Structure formats: C-alpha cells, structure tokens
Amino acid sequence: MTDNPTTPGHPQHVVSIDQRLALKAAAERLESEFGDTFDAETIDRFLYAAHAHFAHHASVPNFLPLLAERFAQQQLRALARVEGKHHDGKPTVLFLCTHNAGRSQMAAALFRRTRRRGRGCVVGRFGPQRSGESCCGASDVGAGHRHLP
C-alpha cells in the first residue's frame, strides 16, 4: 500500500482514507441497486471515473464521493435504458445540441410541455451554455426559459 492512494485507473488523483471509505460505501449501494444489471467492475469503473473527473476540478473535496455516486447512478440508469435492461414503460428521447446554442434545452422543454408521459434528456457538447436567442424563443412559446444576459 502506498502513502498516497489514488483513484483506481487515475493515478493523478490522491484519495484520502475518508474518501476511500465513502467510495467503498457508495460502490456497495450502487451494486445493491444495479447488481442485477451490471457487474461490480462496471459499477466501480463508472463510480471511480466520476470521482476522478470531479476531483480534477474540485477545490473542496468534502462531498466528492457523494457527487460521484449520484453521477454514476445517473449514468448507470441511462446505460441500462440504452441497452434495454431497464423498462419503466416511459419512452426516452435524447436532445443533442452540437453547438450549445440552447436548441436542445428548448426542444426538451417543449417535449416536456406537450407530452405527459416520457423522459427528455438534454446533452450539450460543451456544457450548459445557452444563447440568448434560443432562450428568448423558448420563453416566447412558454417553455420556461428566460433570457440570459
């Protein structure tokens, strides 16, 4: 054992003993939820990759294991849906905007407004940026967006 343990597969991120214990507990919770769908190695890979991603950007590491667990849980649920391993009877629609102009958020808001059943997921290539024009267009049709300065 080394003096500076790291996130498995991500040696640049030093993990304290408290965080290791929290990640171990998170892995156990995720395995109890997804153990019938994914193997432990897949669950651990998603959890530790999420932790490494957030640790790279974090200035305060206190809640990193919790954040990583929630993010891994979302990813595992999405993967289960995509692979057809999770059926809740609701259709899932993915809205992707490659230019981050806000079109995908506007489309998802319209989808949620007009459709009572279903799940709309929004994905942007560069994060949650939106253009003012898209936000104005969304608010014009009552989709819940407001103009950003």
Protein backbone atom coordinates (compact mmCIF):
# COMPACT_ATOMS: atom_id res chain seq x y z
CA MET A 1 0.00 0.00 0.00
CA THR A 2 1.29 3.46 -0.83
CA ASP A 3 1.26 6.56 1.36
CA ASN A 4 -0.79 8.45 -1.24
CA PRO A 5 -3.56 6.18 -2.52
CA THR A 6 -5.12 7.21 -5.79
CA THR A 7 -8.35 6.65 -7.62
CA PRO A 8 -8.00 3.31 -9.47
CA GLY A 9 -7.06 3.93 -13.08
CA HIS A 10 -6.45 7.62 -12.35
CA PRO A 11 -3.11 7.88 -10.51
CA GLN A 12 -3.01 11.68 -10.58
CA HIS A 13 -5.90 11.98 -8.06
CA VAL A 14 -4.90 11.37 -4.43
CA VAL A 15 -7.77 9.98 -2.34
CA SER A 16 -7.87 10.31 1.45
CA ILE A 17 -8.84 7.39 3.68
CA ASP A 18 -12.20 9.03 4.44
CA GLN A 19 -12.94 9.35 0.76
CA ARG A 20 -11.87 5.77 0.09
CA LEU A 21 -14.32 4.56 2.75
CA ALA A 22 -17.08 6.76 1.34
CA LEU A 23 -16.39 5.49 -2.18
CA LYS A 24 -16.45 1.90 -0.95
CA ALA A 25 -19.85 2.50 0.71
CA ALA A 26 -21.08 4.22 -2.47
CA ALA A 27 -19.95 1.25 -4.56
CA GLU A 28 -21.86 -1.11 -2.26
CA ARG A 29 -25.04 0.98 -2.58
CA LEU A 30 -24.70 1.13 -6.36
CA GLU A 31 -24.07 -2.63 -6.51
CA SER A 32 -27.22 -3.27 -4.49
CA GLU A 33 -29.21 -1.13 -6.94
CA PHE A 34 -27.56 -2.23 -10.20
CA GLY A 35 -26.10 -5.64 -9.30
CA ASP A 36 -28.71 -7.48 -11.38
CA THR A 37 -27.96 -5.29 -14.41
CA PHE A 38 -24.19 -4.68 -14.35
CA ASP A 39 -21.18 -6.44 -12.87
CA ALA A 40 -19.22 -4.92 -9.99
CA GLU A 41 -16.33 -3.96 -12.27
CA THR A 42 -18.59 -1.83 -14.48
CA ILE A 43 -20.16 -0.13 -11.47
CA ASP A 44 -16.75 0.60 -9.97
CA ARG A 45 -15.46 1.94 -13.28
CA PHE A 46 -18.34 4.44 -13.53
CA LEU A 47 -18.01 5.48 -9.88
CA TYR A 48 -14.25 5.98 -9.88
CA ALA A 49 -14.26 7.70 -13.28
CA ALA A 50 -16.86 10.15 -11.97
CA HIS A 51 -14.81 10.73 -8.83
CA ALA A 52 -11.64 11.34 -10.82
CA HIS A 53 -13.45 13.75 -13.14
CA PHE A 54 -14.86 15.83 -10.29
CA ALA A 55 -11.67 15.62 -8.21
CA HIS A 56 -9.74 17.14 -11.09
CA HIS A 57 -11.87 20.31 -10.88
CA ALA A 58 -12.74 20.44 -7.16
CA SER A 59 -11.31 22.99 -4.77
CA VAL A 60 -13.15 21.47 -1.76
CA PRO A 61 -13.19 17.66 -1.84
CA ASN A 62 -15.60 17.04 1.07
CA PHE A 63 -18.60 15.89 -0.97
CA LEU A 64 -16.81 14.32 -3.93
CA PRO A 65 -17.81 10.72 -3.11
CA LEU A 66 -21.48 11.69 -2.85
CA LEU A 67 -21.33 13.69 -6.07
CA ALA A 68 -19.53 10.83 -7.83
CA GLU A 69 -22.12 8.32 -6.56
CA ARG A 70 -25.04 10.38 -7.82
CA PHE A 71 -23.39 11.00 -11.19
CA ALA A 72 -22.50 7.30 -11.57
CA GLN A 73 -26.08 6.38 -10.62
CA GLN A 74 -27.45 8.66 -13.37
CA GLN A 75 -25.01 7.22 -15.89
CA LEU A 76 -25.80 3.62 -14.96
CA ARG A 77 -29.56 4.28 -15.21
CA ALA A 78 -29.07 5.85 -18.62
CA LEU A 79 -26.87 2.96 -19.77
CA ALA A 80 -29.45 0.45 -18.58
CA ARG A 81 -32.14 2.25 -20.59
CA VAL A 82 -29.98 2.46 -23.70
CA GLU A 83 -29.09 -1.23 -23.50
CA GLY A 84 -32.74 -2.17 -22.96
CA LYS A 85 -32.12 -3.52 -19.46
CA HIS A 86 -34.48 -1.09 -17.73
CA HIS A 87 -38.11 -0.83 -18.76
CA ASP A 88 -40.36 1.57 -16.88
CA GLY A 89 -42.81 1.95 -19.77
CA LYS A 90 -41.80 5.54 -20.49
CA PRO A 91 -40.13 6.49 -23.77
CA THR A 92 -36.82 8.33 -23.54
CA VAL A 93 -35.88 11.00 -26.06
CA LEU A 94 -32.36 12.41 -26.28
CA PHE A 95 -31.93 16.00 -27.45
CA LEU A 96 -28.39 16.79 -28.57
CA CYS A 97 -27.07 20.22 -29.50
CA THR A 98 -23.60 20.21 -31.01
CA HIS A 99 -23.18 24.00 -30.93
CA ASN A 100 -24.56 24.67 -27.43
CA ALA A 101 -26.90 27.30 -28.73
CA GLY A 102 -29.69 26.11 -26.42
CA ARG A 103 -31.74 24.33 -29.05
CA SER A 104 -31.62 21.01 -27.23
CA GLN A 105 -32.85 22.58 -23.98
CA MET A 106 -35.65 24.31 -25.86
CA ALA A 107 -36.66 21.08 -27.61
CA ALA A 108 -36.66 19.16 -24.33
CA ALA A 109 -38.75 21.86 -22.64
CA LEU A 110 -41.27 21.72 -25.48
CA PHE A 111 -41.29 17.92 -25.27
CA ARG A 112 -41.98 18.02 -21.53
CA ARG A 113 -44.69 20.63 -22.00
CA THR A 114 -46.56 18.77 -24.73
CA ARG A 115 -46.05 15.18 -23.61
CA ARG A 116 -47.34 13.91 -20.29
CA ARG A 117 -45.53 10.57 -20.44
CA GLY A 118 -41.90 10.26 -21.30
CA ARG A 119 -38.45 11.39 -20.37
CA GLY A 120 -36.48 14.02 -22.22
CA CYS A 121 -32.71 14.11 -21.76
CA VAL A 122 -30.57 17.04 -22.86
CA VAL A 123 -26.94 16.71 -23.92
CA GLY A 124 -24.65 19.53 -24.99
CA ARG A 125 -21.17 19.04 -26.32
CA PHE A 126 -19.53 21.81 -24.29
CA GLY A 127 -21.59 22.10 -21.11
CA PRO A 128 -24.70 24.02 -20.10
CA GLN A 129 -24.24 27.17 -22.18
CA ARG A 130 -27.22 28.72 -23.96
CA SER A 131 -27.60 31.52 -26.40
CA GLY A 132 -29.88 34.47 -25.71
CA GLU A 133 -31.80 33.89 -28.96
CA SER A 134 -32.73 30.34 -28.02
CA CYS A 135 -33.80 31.39 -24.54
CA CYS A 136 -35.98 34.15 -25.94
CA GLY A 137 -37.50 31.71 -28.42
CA ALA A 138 -38.23 29.22 -25.65
CA SER A 139 -39.90 31.81 -23.46
CA ASP A 140 -41.97 33.01 -26.44
CA VAL A 141 -43.65 29.60 -26.60
CA GLY A 142 -43.87 29.26 -22.81
CA ALA A 143 -41.19 26.60 -22.46
CA GLY A 144 -39.82 28.02 -19.23
CA HIS A 145 -36.51 29.53 -20.31
CA ARG A 146 -35.67 33.15 -19.69
CA HIS A 147 -33.30 35.44 -21.48
CA LEU A 148 -29.76 35.25 -20.14
CA PRO A 149 -27.65 38.43 -20.20
